[in-house]
Amino acid sequence: MSRSFWVETLGCPKNQVDSEKLTAGMLADGLVVARSAESADLVVVNTCAFIEEAREESIATILDLAESRSGNAELVVTGCMAERYGSELTEALPEVDQVAGFGVPVTLTTKSSDKETGSAPPPLMDLLNMPRPPAAAPWAYVKVAEGCDKKCGFCAIPSFRGTQVSRNIDSILDEVDQLGVREVVLVAQDLGAFGRDGARGERRIVELVRRVSEVTDWVRLLYLFPSELSEELIETIAASPVPYFDLSLQHVSEPLVRRMRRPGSAESYLERIQRIRELNADSVFRSNFIVGYPGETEADQDALLEFVSEAQLDWCGFFRYSEEEGTYAAGLDGGIADELVADRLAELREIQDDMSASRRDALIGTTTTVLVDEIGLGRSHREAPEIDGMIWVPSSLEVGQFHDVSIVAAEGPDLFAELIEP
């Protein structure tokens, strides 16, 4: 009887890609996907370590799965927490059978007492370039680089993901071909800098977007540093079928941005957004902001509130600052009280929720093209998978196909559409 596995993935889309590649490896080893974590012989938890909240969720998930797994099942922890806190996790979580950092093969080892010891560990996998199974949905994330060369004051990712390593474009195109999807979502820690670590020493993101666009219908880019958003890249995205700009801004008050060790300001960001809207008025914007960074003042908060109102972003997330060991910000004074951070978050979210709802309401009566992800649910260029709203469409529309629809209603982040009859 075949042995089975279950993978629980936490964190960002980049982790999801890693999980799919681990899945391909376990399938190649002869394992099969279990019906549930409780019925699996091998349970793998792909963890996130980006901020404290993510680490807490990872630990809670590990403990829950340790308790609910079948009696003889093995439990393996991999991903960012395993890479960053490997030895600490091994000591703190006796429930775990293996803590596997990046590239460590994950498979059943059997927990017998006479398990072979002293043998050489298996060679590391090239997780970035491993094959993966065909996509189960009409879209897929494709990770094009690993690591980051930026030195943002709040971020520990370079300490455990390393410096940027970009993939070969041909290998990316091969993966896109294997996936067989209608939409490719390109992801990386610093997507706009793709290729700069290569022999040519120059960014190749525009070349990548153009080449992927030749073999799939939609190409979407996630996580763009504003400093990497060149005019050529702006024009390329704005002219594409998916004029969607996911800008990693983090804050807009210039003194605080400098304290974060980042370039940029509200004025420069607004100018860039205006330029994009001039090129394509149908462009969509998403961003995220950190609230409660050490030294954040009321003036900084006011600047961010003003920016959110003026920029009219379609989608926006606001997150509490998390002190990360080893980062520049961990040694800064000027910590912000939790209660004040909560108040500032609530203030920002209220404004943005109203803004997003207003922008969705404005689409009623318009027509758009949707990709149907599953029966009754689709997305246009305005909605990235899993993080934005959805469009409810007639259940008769074929999954994996594009359809022109008319927006007839809006409810919060979601839209409701009817088919445009030919």
Foldseek 3Di string as FASTA:
>chain_A
DAAEEEEAEDDDQVRVLLVQLLVVVQVVVRHYHDPDLQAHQEYEYAADDWFPVRVVVSVVVQVVSLVRHDDNHAYEYEHDCCQVPVVVCVVVCVSHPYRDYAQQRDYDQGDDPPRDPDDDGDDGHPSLLGAGAADPWQEGEREFKWADPAAFQQGPRCVRRNHIDGDDLVSSLVNVVRRNHQEYEYDYQAQLQHPCPDPVNGGCNLVSVVVNVVPHPYYHYAEHEPVSCDPSNLLSLLPHQQLEEEYEDQFAPQVVCVVRVHDHHLVVVLVVLVVSCVSPVPHAYEYEYEFFQAPDDPVRLVRRQVSCLVSLHQYYYYYYRGHDPPGNSVPDHRGDDPVVRVVSRVVNVVSNQVSNQVVQQVQAFPKFKWAAGAQQWTDGSHDDPPPFEIEGEHRPDDHRDIFMWHFHDDDRRYTYTYGDDD
